[in-house]
Amino acid sequence: QTGTQAAREAGNMVDLDSDPTKLIEIVGIGKQLLMTRGALTTFSIAN
């Protein structure tokens, strides 16, 4: 977020805290999304 307008327009995410290690949380949430979808799909079919 503290970067230039060009950088913010080019990215597909903006970190409002400007913390590069925030990617740990971003990756964790992405994995959560994939795992949640896979887990509930598995549950649904078995169900």
All heavy atoms as atom14 arrays in JSON, in Angstrom:
{
  "sequence": "QTGTQAAREAGNMVDLDSDPTKLIEIVGIGKQLLMTRGALTTFSIAN",
  "atom14_mask": [
    [1, 1, 1, 1, 1, 1, 1, 1, 1, 0, 0, 0, 0, 0],
    [1, 1, 1, 1, 1, 1, 1, 0, 0, 0, 0, 0, 0, 0],
    [1, 1, 1, 1, 0, 0, 0, 0, 0, 0, 0, 0, 0, 0],
    [1, 1, 1, 1, 1, 1, 1, 0, 0, 0, 0, 0, 0, 0],
    [1, 1, 1, 1, 1, 1, 1, 1, 1, 0, 0, 0, 0, 0],
    [1, 1, 1, 1, 1, 0, 0, 0, 0, 0, 0, 0, 0, 0],
    [1, 1, 1, 1, 1, 0, 0, 0, 0, 0, 0, 0, 0, 0],
    [1, 1, 1, 1, 1, 1, 1, 1, 1, 1, 1, 0, 0, 0],
    [1, 1, 1, 1, 1, 1, 1, 1, 1, 0, 0, 0, 0, 0],
    [1, 1, 1, 1, 1, 0, 0, 0, 0, 0, 0, 0, 0, 0],
    [1, 1, 1, 1, 0, 0, 0, 0, 0, 0, 0, 0, 0, 0],
    [1, 1, 1, 1, 1, 1, 1, 1, 0, 0, 0, 0, 0, 0],
    [1, 1, 1, 1, 1, 1, 1, 1, 0, 0, 0, 0, 0, 0],
    [1, 1, 1, 1, 1, 1, 1, 0, 0, 0, 0, 0, 0, 0],
    [1, 1, 1, 1, 1, 1, 1, 1, 0, 0, 0, 0, 0, 0],
    [1, 1, 1, 1, 1, 1, 1, 1, 0, 0, 0, 0, 0, 0],
    [1, 1, 1, 1, 1, 1, 1, 1, 0, 0, 0, 0, 0, 0],
    [1, 1, 1, 1, 1, 1, 0, 0, 0, 0, 0, 0, 0, 0],
    [1, 1, 1, 1, 1, 1, 1, 1, 0, 0, 0, 0, 0, 0],
    [1, 1, 1, 1, 1, 1, 1, 0, 0, 0, 0, 0, 0, 0],
    [1, 1, 1, 1, 1, 1, 1, 0, 0, 0, 0, 0, 0, 0],
    [1, 1, 1, 1, 1, 1, 1, 1, 1, 0, 0, 0, 0, 0],
    [1, 1, 1, 1, 1, 1, 1, 1, 0, 0, 0, 0, 0, 0],
    [1, 1, 1, 1, 1, 1, 1, 1, 0, 0, 0, 0, 0, 0],
    [1, 1, 1, 1, 1, 1, 1, 1, 1, 0, 0, 0, 0, 0],
    [1, 1, 1, 1, 1, 1, 1, 1, 0, 0, 0, 0, 0, 0],
    [1, 1, 1, 1, 1, 1, 1, 0, 0, 0, 0, 0, 0, 0],
    [1, 1, 1, 1, 0, 0, 0, 0, 0, 0, 0, 0, 0, 0],
    [1, 1, 1, 1, 1, 1, 1, 1, 0, 0, 0, 0, 0, 0],
    [1, 1, 1, 1, 0, 0, 0, 0, 0, 0, 0, 0, 0, 0],
    [1, 1, 1, 1, 1, 1, 1, 1, 1, 0, 0, 0, 0, 0],
    [1, 1, 1, 1, 1, 1, 1, 1, 1, 0, 0, 0, 0, 0],
    [1, 1, 1, 1, 1, 1, 1, 1, 0, 0, 0, 0, 0, 0],
    [1, 1, 1, 1, 1, 1, 1, 1, 0, 0, 0, 0, 0, 0],
    [1, 1, 1, 1, 1, 1, 1, 1, 0, 0, 0, 0, 0, 0],
    [1, 1, 1, 1, 1, 1, 1, 0, 0, 0, 0, 0, 0, 0],
    [1, 1, 1, 1, 1, 1, 1, 1, 1, 1, 1, 0, 0, 0],
    [1, 1, 1, 1, 0, 0, 0, 0, 0, 0, 0, 0, 0, 0],
    [1, 1, 1, 1, 1, 0, 0, 0, 0, 0, 0, 0, 0, 0],
    [1, 1, 1, 1, 1, 1, 1, 1, 0, 0, 0, 0, 0, 0],
    [1, 1, 1, 1, 1, 1, 1, 0, 0, 0, 0, 0, 0, 0],
    [1, 1, 1, 1, 1, 1, 1, 0, 0, 0, 0, 0, 0, 0],
    [1, 1, 1, 1, 1, 1, 1, 1, 1, 1, 1, 0, 0, 0],
    [1, 1, 1, 1, 1, 1, 0, 0, 0, 0, 0, 0, 0, 0],
    [1, 1, 1, 1, 1, 1, 1, 1, 0, 0, 0, 0, 0, 0],
    [1, 1, 1, 1, 1, 0, 0, 0, 0, 0, 0, 0, 0, 0],
    [1, 1, 1, 1, 1, 1, 1, 1, 0, 0, 0, 0, 0, 0]
  ],
  "atom14_positions": [
    [[0.82, -1.21, 0.0], [0.0, 0.0, 0.0], [0.85, 1.26, 0.0], [0.47, 2.28, -0.57], [-0.93, -0.02, 1.21], [-1.55, 1.31, 1.59], [-2.47, 1.87, 0.52], [-2.81, 1.18, -0.42], [-2.85, 3.13, 0.66], [0.0, 0.0, 0.0], [0.0, 0.0, 0.0], [0.0, 0.0, 0.0], [0.0, 0.0, 0.0], [0.0, 0.0, 0.0]],
    [[2.05, 1.2, 0.6], [2.92, 2.37, 0.65], [3.66, 2.59, -0.66], [4.4, 3.56, -0.79], [3.96, 2.21, 1.78], [4.66, 0.97, 1.6], [3.3, 2.23, 3.13], [0.0, 0.0, 0.0], [0.0, 0.0, 0.0], [0.0, 0.0, 0.0], [0.0, 0.0, 0.0], [0.0, 0.0, 0.0], [0.0, 0.0, 0.0], [0.0, 0.0, 0.0]],
    [[3.46, 1.7, -1.62], [4.18, 1.8, -2.88], [3.52, 2.76, -3.85], [2.58, 3.5, -3.53], [0.0, 0.0, 0.0], [0.0, 0.0, 0.0], [0.0, 0.0, 0.0], [0.0, 0.0, 0.0], [0.0, 0.0, 0.0], [0.0, 0.0, 0.0], [0.0, 0.0, 0.0], [0.0, 0.0, 0.0], [0.0, 0.0, 0.0], [0.0, 0.0, 0.0]],
    [[4.01, 2.73, -5.09], [3.52, 3.65, -6.11], [2.18, 3.18, -6.67], [1.8, 2.02, -6.54], [4.52, 3.75, -7.26], [4.65, 2.46, -7.88], [5.87, 4.22, -6.78], [0.0, 0.0, 0.0], [0.0, 0.0, 0.0], [0.0, 0.0, 0.0], [0.0, 0.0, 0.0], [0.0, 0.0, 0.0], [0.0, 0.0, 0.0], [0.0, 0.0, 0.0]],
    [[1.5, 4.11, -7.32], [0.21, 3.8, -7.94], [0.39, 2.71, -9.0], [-0.46, 1.82, -9.14], [-0.37, 5.07, -8.58], [-1.76, 4.92, -9.15], [-2.83, 4.88, -8.08], [-2.56, 5.22, -6.93], [-4.02, 4.47, -8.44], [0.0, 0.0, 0.0], [0.0, 0.0, 0.0], [0.0, 0.0, 0.0], [0.0, 0.0, 0.0], [0.0, 0.0, 0.0]],
    [[1.49, 2.78, -9.76], [1.73, 1.79, -10.8], [1.83, 0.38, -10.22], [1.3, -0.58, -10.78], [3.01, 2.13, -11.57], [0.0, 0.0, 0.0], [0.0, 0.0, 0.0], [0.0, 0.0, 0.0], [0.0, 0.0, 0.0], [0.0, 0.0, 0.0], [0.0, 0.0, 0.0], [0.0, 0.0, 0.0], [0.0, 0.0, 0.0], [0.0, 0.0, 0.0]],
    [[2.51, 0.25, -9.09], [2.65, -1.07, -8.45], [1.29, -1.57, -7.97], [0.95, -2.75, -8.15], [3.63, -0.97, -7.28], [0.0, 0.0, 0.0], [0.0, 0.0, 0.0], [0.0, 0.0, 0.0], [0.0, 0.0, 0.0], [0.0, 0.0, 0.0], [0.0, 0.0, 0.0], [0.0, 0.0, 0.0], [0.0, 0.0, 0.0], [0.0, 0.0, 0.0]],
    [[0.49, -0.71, -7.37], [-0.82, -1.12, -6.86], [-1.77, -1.51, -7.98], [-2.59, -2.41, -7.83], [-1.43, -0.01, -6.0], [-0.65, 0.24, -4.72], [-1.38, 1.18, -3.79], [-1.52, 2.52, -4.36], [-2.13, 3.52, -3.74], [-2.66, 3.35, -2.56], [-2.21, 4.7, -4.31], [0.0, 0.0, 0.0], [0.0, 0.0, 0.0], [0.0, 0.0, 0.0]],
    [[-1.65, -0.83, -9.12], [-2.51, -1.17, -10.25], [-2.09, -2.49, -10.89], [-2.92, -3.23, -11.42], [-2.46, -0.05, -11.31], [-3.08, 1.26, -10.86], [-4.6, 1.19, -10.77], [-5.18, 0.2, -11.23], [-5.2, 2.14, -10.23], [0.0, 0.0, 0.0], [0.0, 0.0, 0.0], [0.0, 0.0, 0.0], [0.0, 0.0, 0.0], [0.0, 0.0, 0.0]],
    [[-0.8, -2.8, -10.85], [-0.29, -4.0, -11.52], [-0.58, -5.27, -10.73], [-0.78, -6.34, -11.31], [1.22, -3.87, -11.75], [0.0, 0.0, 0.0], [0.0, 0.0, 0.0], [0.0, 0.0, 0.0], [0.0, 0.0, 0.0], [0.0, 0.0, 0.0], [0.0, 0.0, 0.0], [0.0, 0.0, 0.0], [0.0, 0.0, 0.0], [0.0, 0.0, 0.0]],
    [[-0.59, -5.19, -9.4], [-0.8, -6.39, -8.58], [-2.26, -6.81, -8.56], [-3.16, -6.04, -8.9], [0.0, 0.0, 0.0], [0.0, 0.0, 0.0], [0.0, 0.0, 0.0], [0.0, 0.0, 0.0], [0.0, 0.0, 0.0], [0.0, 0.0, 0.0], [0.0, 0.0, 0.0], [0.0, 0.0, 0.0], [0.0, 0.0, 0.0], [0.0, 0.0, 0.0]],
    [[-2.48, -8.08, -8.18], [-3.87, -8.53, -8.0], [-4.24, -8.64, -6.52], [-5.3, -9.14, -6.17], [-4.14, -9.85, -8.73], [-3.12, -10.92, -8.43], [-2.47, -10.89, -7.38], [-2.96, -11.86, -9.34], [0.0, 0.0, 0.0], [0.0, 0.0, 0.0], [0.0, 0.0, 0.0], [0.0, 0.0, 0.0], [0.0, 0.0, 0.0], [0.0, 0.0, 0.0]],
    [[-3.32, -8.2, -5.65], [-3.61, -8.03, -4.23], [-2.89, -6.78, -3.75], [-1.84, -6.41, -4.29], [-3.12, -9.23, -3.4], [-3.87, -10.51, -3.61], [-3.34, -11.76, -2.41], [-4.29, -13.18, -2.98], [0.0, 0.0, 0.0], [0.0, 0.0, 0.0], [0.0, 0.0, 0.0], [0.0, 0.0, 0.0], [0.0, 0.0, 0.0], [0.0, 0.0, 0.0]],
    [[-3.46, -6.14, -2.74], [-2.81, -4.99, -2.11], [-2.75, -5.24, -0.61], [-3.78, -5.51, 0.02], [-3.56, -3.67, -2.4], [-2.9, -2.51, -1.67], [-3.61, -3.39, -3.89], [0.0, 0.0, 0.0], [0.0, 0.0, 0.0], [0.0, 0.0, 0.0], [0.0, 0.0, 0.0], [0.0, 0.0, 0.0], [0.0, 0.0, 0.0], [0.0, 0.0, 0.0]],
    [[-1.53, -5.17, -0.06], [-1.35, -5.35, 1.38], [-1.39, -3.98, 2.04], [-0.49, -3.16, 1.84], [-0.02, -6.04, 1.67], [0.27, -6.16, 3.15], [-0.67, -5.99, 3.95], [1.44, -6.42, 3.51], [0.0, 0.0, 0.0], [0.0, 0.0, 0.0], [0.0, 0.0, 0.0], [0.0, 0.0, 0.0], [0.0, 0.0, 0.0], [0.0, 0.0, 0.0]],
    [[-2.44, -3.71, 2.8], [-2.63, -2.4, 3.41], [-1.63, -2.13, 4.53], [-1.44, -0.98, 4.93], [-4.06, -2.27, 3.95], [-5.17, -2.45, 2.91], [-6.53, -2.27, 3.57], [-5.01, -1.5, 1.75], [0.0, 0.0, 0.0], [0.0, 0.0, 0.0], [0.0, 0.0, 0.0], [0.0, 0.0, 0.0], [0.0, 0.0, 0.0], [0.0, 0.0, 0.0]],
    [[-0.99, -3.18, 5.06], [0.01, -3.0, 6.11], [1.43, -2.92, 5.56], [2.37, -2.7, 6.31], [-0.06, -4.15, 7.12], [-1.36, -4.15, 7.89], [-1.9, -3.06, 8.12], [-1.84, -5.24, 8.24], [0.0, 0.0, 0.0], [0.0, 0.0, 0.0], [0.0, 0.0, 0.0], [0.0, 0.0, 0.0], [0.0, 0.0, 0.0], [0.0, 0.0, 0.0]],
    [[1.59, -3.17, 4.25], [2.91, -3.14, 3.6], [3.91, -4.05, 4.32], [5.04, -3.67, 4.59], [3.45, -1.69, 3.54], [2.58, -0.88, 2.77], [0.0, 0.0, 0.0], [0.0, 0.0, 0.0], [0.0, 0.0, 0.0], [0.0, 0.0, 0.0], [0.0, 0.0, 0.0], [0.0, 0.0, 0.0], [0.0, 0.0, 0.0], [0.0, 0.0, 0.0]],
    [[3.47, -5.25, 4.61], [4.3, -6.24, 5.29], [4.52, -7.42, 4.34], [3.6, -8.19, 4.08], [3.6, -6.72, 6.56], [4.36, -7.83, 7.28], [5.49, -8.14, 6.86], [3.82, -8.39, 8.25], [0.0, 0.0, 0.0], [0.0, 0.0, 0.0], [0.0, 0.0, 0.0], [0.0, 0.0, 0.0], [0.0, 0.0, 0.0], [0.0, 0.0, 0.0]],
    [[5.74, -7.58, 3.79], [5.96, -8.63, 2.79], [5.73, -10.03, 3.33], [5.34, -10.93, 2.58], [7.41, -8.43, 2.37], [8.05, -7.73, 3.52], [6.98, -6.84, 4.07], [0.0, 0.0, 0.0], [0.0, 0.0, 0.0], [0.0, 0.0, 0.0], [0.0, 0.0, 0.0], [0.0, 0.0, 0.0], [0.0, 0.0, 0.0], [0.0, 0.0, 0.0]],
    [[5.98, -10.23, 4.61], [5.79, -11.57, 5.17], [4.32, -11.88, 5.37], [3.98, -12.99, 5.8], [6.55, -11.71, 6.51], [6.01, -10.78, 7.45], [8.02, -11.44, 6.32], [0.0, 0.0, 0.0], [0.0, 0.0, 0.0], [0.0, 0.0, 0.0], [0.0, 0.0, 0.0], [0.0, 0.0, 0.0], [0.0, 0.0, 0.0], [0.0, 0.0, 0.0]],
    [[3.43, -10.93, 5.06], [1.99, -11.2, 5.11], [1.64, -12.34, 4.17], [0.56, -12.93, 4.28], [1.24, -9.93, 4.73], [-0.27, -9.99, 4.84], [-0.73, -9.89, 6.27], [-0.48, -8.52, 6.84], [-1.26, -7.44, 6.24], [0.0, 0.0, 0.0], [0.0, 0.0, 0.0], [0.0, 0.0, 0.0], [0.0, 0.0, 0.0], [0.0, 0.0, 0.0]],
    [[2.55, -12.65, 3.21], [2.26, -13.74, 2.28], [2.04, -15.06, 3.02], [1.38, -15.96, 2.51], [3.39, -13.91, 1.26], [2.98, -14.77, 0.07], [2.17, -13.98, -0.93], [4.15, -15.43, -0.59], [0.0, 0.0, 0.0], [0.0, 0.0, 0.0], [0.0, 0.0, 0.0], [0.0, 0.0, 0.0], [0.0, 0.0, 0.0], [0.0, 0.0, 0.0]],
    [[2.59, -15.19, 4.22], [2.34, -16.4, 5.01], [0.85, -16.53, 5.27], [0.27, -17.61, 5.08], [3.12, -16.34, 6.34], [4.63, -16.42, 6.06], [2.7, -17.47, 7.27], [5.49, -16.22, 7.28], [0.0, 0.0, 0.0], [0.0, 0.0, 0.0], [0.0, 0.0, 0.0], [0.0, 0.0, 0.0], [0.0, 0.0, 0.0], [0.0, 0.0, 0.0]],
    [[0.21, -15.43, 5.7], [-1.23, -15.47, 5.92], [-1.98, -15.65, 4.6], [-2.98, -16.37, 4.52], [-1.7, -14.19, 6.61], [-1.44, -14.15, 8.1], [0.01, -13.83, 8.44], [0.72, -13.27, 7.57], [0.44, -14.14, 9.56], [0.0, 0.0, 0.0], [0.0, 0.0, 0.0], [0.0, 0.0, 0.0], [0.0, 0.0, 0.0], [0.0, 0.0, 0.0]],
    [[-1.5, -14.98, 3.55], [-2.17, -15.08, 2.25], [-2.15, -16.51, 1.75], [-3.16, -17.05, 1.29], [-1.51, -14.12, 1.23], [-1.73, -12.67, 1.65], [-2.06, -14.37, -0.17], [-0.97, -11.66, 0.8], [0.0, 0.0, 0.0], [0.0, 0.0, 0.0], [0.0, 0.0, 0.0], [0.0, 0.0, 0.0], [0.0, 0.0, 0.0], [0.0, 0.0, 0.0]],
    [[-0.98, -17.15, 1.82], [-0.86, -18.55, 1.38], [-1.73, -19.45, 2.25], [-2.41, -20.35, 1.75], [0.62, -19.0, 1.43], [0.73, -20.51, 1.24], [1.42, -18.29, 0.34], [0.0, 0.0, 0.0], [0.0, 0.0, 0.0], [0.0, 0.0, 0.0], [0.0, 0.0, 0.0], [0.0, 0.0, 0.0], [0.0, 0.0, 0.0], [0.0, 0.0, 0.0]],
    [[-1.7, -19.2, 3.56], [-2.52, -20.02, 4.46], [-4.01, -19.92, 4.13], [-4.72, -20.92, 4.11], [0.0, 0.0, 0.0], [0.0, 0.0, 0.0], [0.0, 0.0, 0.0], [0.0, 0.0, 0.0], [0.0, 0.0, 0.0], [0.0, 0.0, 0.0], [0.0, 0.0, 0.0], [0.0, 0.0, 0.0], [0.0, 0.0, 0.0], [0.0, 0.0, 0.0]],
    [[-4.46, -18.7, 3.81], [-5.87, -18.52, 3.46], [-6.18, -19.17, 2.12], [-7.24, -19.79, 1.93], [-6.22, -17.02, 3.44], [-6.22, -16.48, 4.88], [-7.58, -16.77, 2.78], [-6.3, -14.98, 4.97], [0.0, 0.0, 0.0], [0.0, 0.0, 0.0], [0.0, 0.0, 0.0], [0.0, 0.0, 0.0], [0.0, 0.0, 0.0], [0.0, 0.0, 0.0]],
    [[-5.24, -19.07, 1.15], [-5.43, -19.74, -0.13], [-5.53, -21.25, 0.03], [-6.38, -21.91, -0.59], [0.0, 0.0, 0.0], [0.0, 0.0, 0.0], [0.0, 0.0, 0.0], [0.0, 0.0, 0.0], [0.0, 0.0, 0.0], [0.0, 0.0, 0.0], [0.0, 0.0, 0.0], [0.0, 0.0, 0.0], [0.0, 0.0, 0.0], [0.0, 0.0, 0.0]],
    [[-4.65, -21.79, 0.87], [-4.7, -23.24, 1.12], [-5.99, -23.62, 1.86], [-6.59, -24.67, 1.61], [-3.47, -23.67, 1.91], [-2.17, -23.63, 1.1], [-1.0, -24.17, 1.9], [0.29, -24.09, 1.11], [0.27, -24.93, -0.11], [0.0, 0.0, 0.0], [0.0, 0.0, 0.0], [0.0, 0.0, 0.0], [0.0, 0.0, 0.0], [0.0, 0.0, 0.0]],
    [[-6.41, -22.74, 2.78], [-7.68, -22.97, 3.47], [-8.83, -23.05, 2.48], [-9.69, -23.93, 2.58], [-7.96, -21.83, 4.45], [-7.51, -22.08, 5.87], [-8.12, -21.08, 6.82], [-8.32, -19.91, 6.5], [-8.45, -21.52, 8.01], [0.0, 0.0, 0.0], [0.0, 0.0, 0.0], [0.0, 0.0, 0.0], [0.0, 0.0, 0.0], [0.0, 0.0, 0.0]],
    [[-8.83, -22.12, 1.51], [-9.91, -22.1, 0.53], [-9.94, -23.4, -0.26], [-10.99, -24.03, -0.43], [-9.74, -20.9, -0.4], [-10.88, -20.6, -1.38], [-10.94, -19.11, -1.67], [-10.69, -21.34, -2.7], [0.0, 0.0, 0.0], [0.0, 0.0, 0.0], [0.0, 0.0, 0.0], [0.0, 0.0, 0.0], [0.0, 0.0, 0.0], [0.0, 0.0, 0.0]],
    [[-8.76, -23.82, -0.75], [-8.7, -25.04, -1.55], [-9.07, -26.26, -0.71], [-9.8, -27.15, -1.16], [-7.29, -25.21, -2.12], [-6.85, -24.16, -3.15], [-5.38, -24.34, -3.5], [-7.7, -24.23, -4.4], [0.0, 0.0, 0.0], [0.0, 0.0, 0.0], [0.0, 0.0, 0.0], [0.0, 0.0, 0.0], [0.0, 0.0, 0.0], [0.0, 0.0, 0.0]],
    [[-8.55, -26.31, 0.52], [-8.84, -27.46, 1.39], [-10.3, -27.49, 1.8], [-10.91, -28.56, 1.88], [-7.94, -27.41, 2.63], [-6.48, -27.73, 2.34], [-5.45, -27.45, 3.8], [-6.27, -28.45, 5.0], [0.0, 0.0, 0.0], [0.0, 0.0, 0.0], [0.0, 0.0, 0.0], [0.0, 0.0, 0.0], [0.0, 0.0, 0.0], [0.0, 0.0, 0.0]],
    [[-10.88, -26.3, 2.06], [-12.28, -26.25, 2.45], [-13.17, -26.76, 1.33], [-14.08, -27.56, 1.55], [-12.69, -24.81, 2.83], [-11.84, -24.36, 3.88], [-14.13, -24.75, 3.28], [0.0, 0.0, 0.0], [0.0, 0.0, 0.0], [0.0, 0.0, 0.0], [0.0, 0.0, 0.0], [0.0, 0.0, 0.0], [0.0, 0.0, 0.0], [0.0, 0.0, 0.0]],
    [[-12.89, -26.3, 0.12], [-13.68, -26.75, -1.02], [-13.53, -28.25, -1.23], [-14.5, -28.97, -1.45], [-13.24, -26.0, -2.28], [-14.14, -26.24, -3.48], [-13.59, -25.57, -4.7], [-13.51, -24.13, -4.49], [-12.59, -23.35, -5.04], [-11.67, -23.88, -5.8], [-12.6, -22.07, -4.83], [0.0, 0.0, 0.0], [0.0, 0.0, 0.0], [0.0, 0.0, 0.0]],
    [[-12.27, -28.74, -1.15], [-12.05, -30.17, -1.33], [-12.67, -31.01, -0.23], [-13.28, -32.05, -0.48], [0.0, 0.0, 0.0], [0.0, 0.0, 0.0], [0.0, 0.0, 0.0], [0.0, 0.0, 0.0], [0.0, 0.0, 0.0], [0.0, 0.0, 0.0], [0.0, 0.0, 0.0], [0.0, 0.0, 0.0], [0.0, 0.0, 0.0], [0.0, 0.0, 0.0]],
    [[-12.54, -30.53, 1.02], [-13.07, -31.29, 2.16], [-14.6, -31.37, 2.1], [-15.18, -32.44, 2.31], [-12.63, -30.63, 3.47], [0.0, 0.0, 0.0], [0.0, 0.0, 0.0], [0.0, 0.0, 0.0], [0.0, 0.0, 0.0], [0.0, 0.0, 0.0], [0.0, 0.0, 0.0], [0.0, 0.0, 0.0], [0.0, 0.0, 0.0], [0.0, 0.0, 0.0]],
    [[-15.25, -30.24, 1.81], [-16.71, -30.25, 1.77], [-17.25, -30.97, 0.54], [-18.35, -31.53, 0.58], [-17.26, -28.83, 1.84], [-16.98, -28.09, 3.16], [-17.7, -26.76, 3.2], [-17.39, -28.94, 4.36], [0.0, 0.0, 0.0], [0.0, 0.0, 0.0], [0.0, 0.0, 0.0], [0.0, 0.0, 0.0], [0.0, 0.0, 0.0], [0.0, 0.0, 0.0]],
    [[-16.48, -30.96, -0.56], [-16.88, -31.77, -1.72], [-16.8, -33.25, -1.37], [-17.7, -34.03, -1.7], [-15.98, -31.46, -2.93], [-16.09, -30.07, -3.25], [-16.39, -32.29, -4.14], [0.0, 0.0, 0.0], [0.0, 0.0, 0.0], [0.0, 0.0, 0.0], [0.0, 0.0, 0.0], [0.0, 0.0, 0.0], [0.0, 0.0, 0.0], [0.0, 0.0, 0.0]],
    [[-15.72, -33.65, -0.69], [-15.58, -35.04, -0.25], [-16.72, -35.42, 0.69], [-17.33, -36.49, 0.56], [-14.23, -35.22, 0.48], [-13.17, -34.86, -0.41], [-14.04, -36.66, 0.94], [0.0, 0.0, 0.0], [0.0, 0.0, 0.0], [0.0, 0.0, 0.0], [0.0, 0.0, 0.0], [0.0, 0.0, 0.0], [0.0, 0.0, 0.0], [0.0, 0.0, 0.0]],
    [[-17.01, -34.53, 1.63], [-18.11, -34.79, 2.57], [-19.44, -34.92, 1.82], [-20.24, -35.82, 2.11], [-18.21, -33.66, 3.6], [-19.25, -33.88, 4.65], [-18.92, -34.48, 5.85], [-20.57, -33.48, 4.45], [-19.89, -34.68, 6.84], [-21.53, -33.68, 5.41], [-21.19, -34.29, 6.61], [0.0, 0.0, 0.0], [0.0, 0.0, 0.0], [0.0, 0.0, 0.0]],
    [[-19.67, -34.04, 0.86], [-20.94, -34.04, 0.13], [-21.14, -35.34, -0.64], [-22.23, -35.94, -0.6], [-20.98, -32.85, -0.84], [-22.17, -32.85, -1.59], [0.0, 0.0, 0.0], [0.0, 0.0, 0.0], [0.0, 0.0, 0.0], [0.0, 0.0, 0.0], [0.0, 0.0, 0.0], [0.0, 0.0, 0.0], [0.0, 0.0, 0.0], [0.0, 0.0, 0.0]],
    [[-20.09, -35.79, -1.34], [-20.22, -37.02, -2.13], [-20.42, -38.23, -1.21], [-21.28, -39.08, -1.45], [-18.98, -37.19, -3.03], [-18.96, -36.08, -4.08], [-18.98, -38.57, -3.69], [-17.7, -36.03, -4.91], [0.0, 0.0, 0.0], [0.0, 0.0, 0.0], [0.0, 0.0, 0.0], [0.0, 0.0, 0.0], [0.0, 0.0, 0.0], [0.0, 0.0, 0.0]],
    [[-19.61, -38.29, -0.13], [-19.77, -39.4, 0.81], [-21.14, -39.35, 1.48], [-21.78, -40.38, 1.71], [-18.66, -39.33, 1.87], [0.0, 0.0, 0.0], [0.0, 0.0, 0.0], [0.0, 0.0, 0.0], [0.0, 0.0, 0.0], [0.0, 0.0, 0.0], [0.0, 0.0, 0.0], [0.0, 0.0, 0.0], [0.0, 0.0, 0.0], [0.0, 0.0, 0.0]],
    [[-21.6, -38.15, 1.77], [-22.89, -37.93, 2.38], [-24.03, -38.45, 1.48], [-24.97, -39.1, 1.93], [-23.05, -36.43, 2.63], [-24.3, -36.06, 3.36], [-24.48, -36.45, 4.49], [-25.16, -35.31, 2.7], [0.0, 0.0, 0.0], [0.0, 0.0, 0.0], [0.0, 0.0, 0.0], [0.0, 0.0, 0.0], [0.0, 0.0, 0.0], [0.0, 0.0, 0.0]]
  ]
}
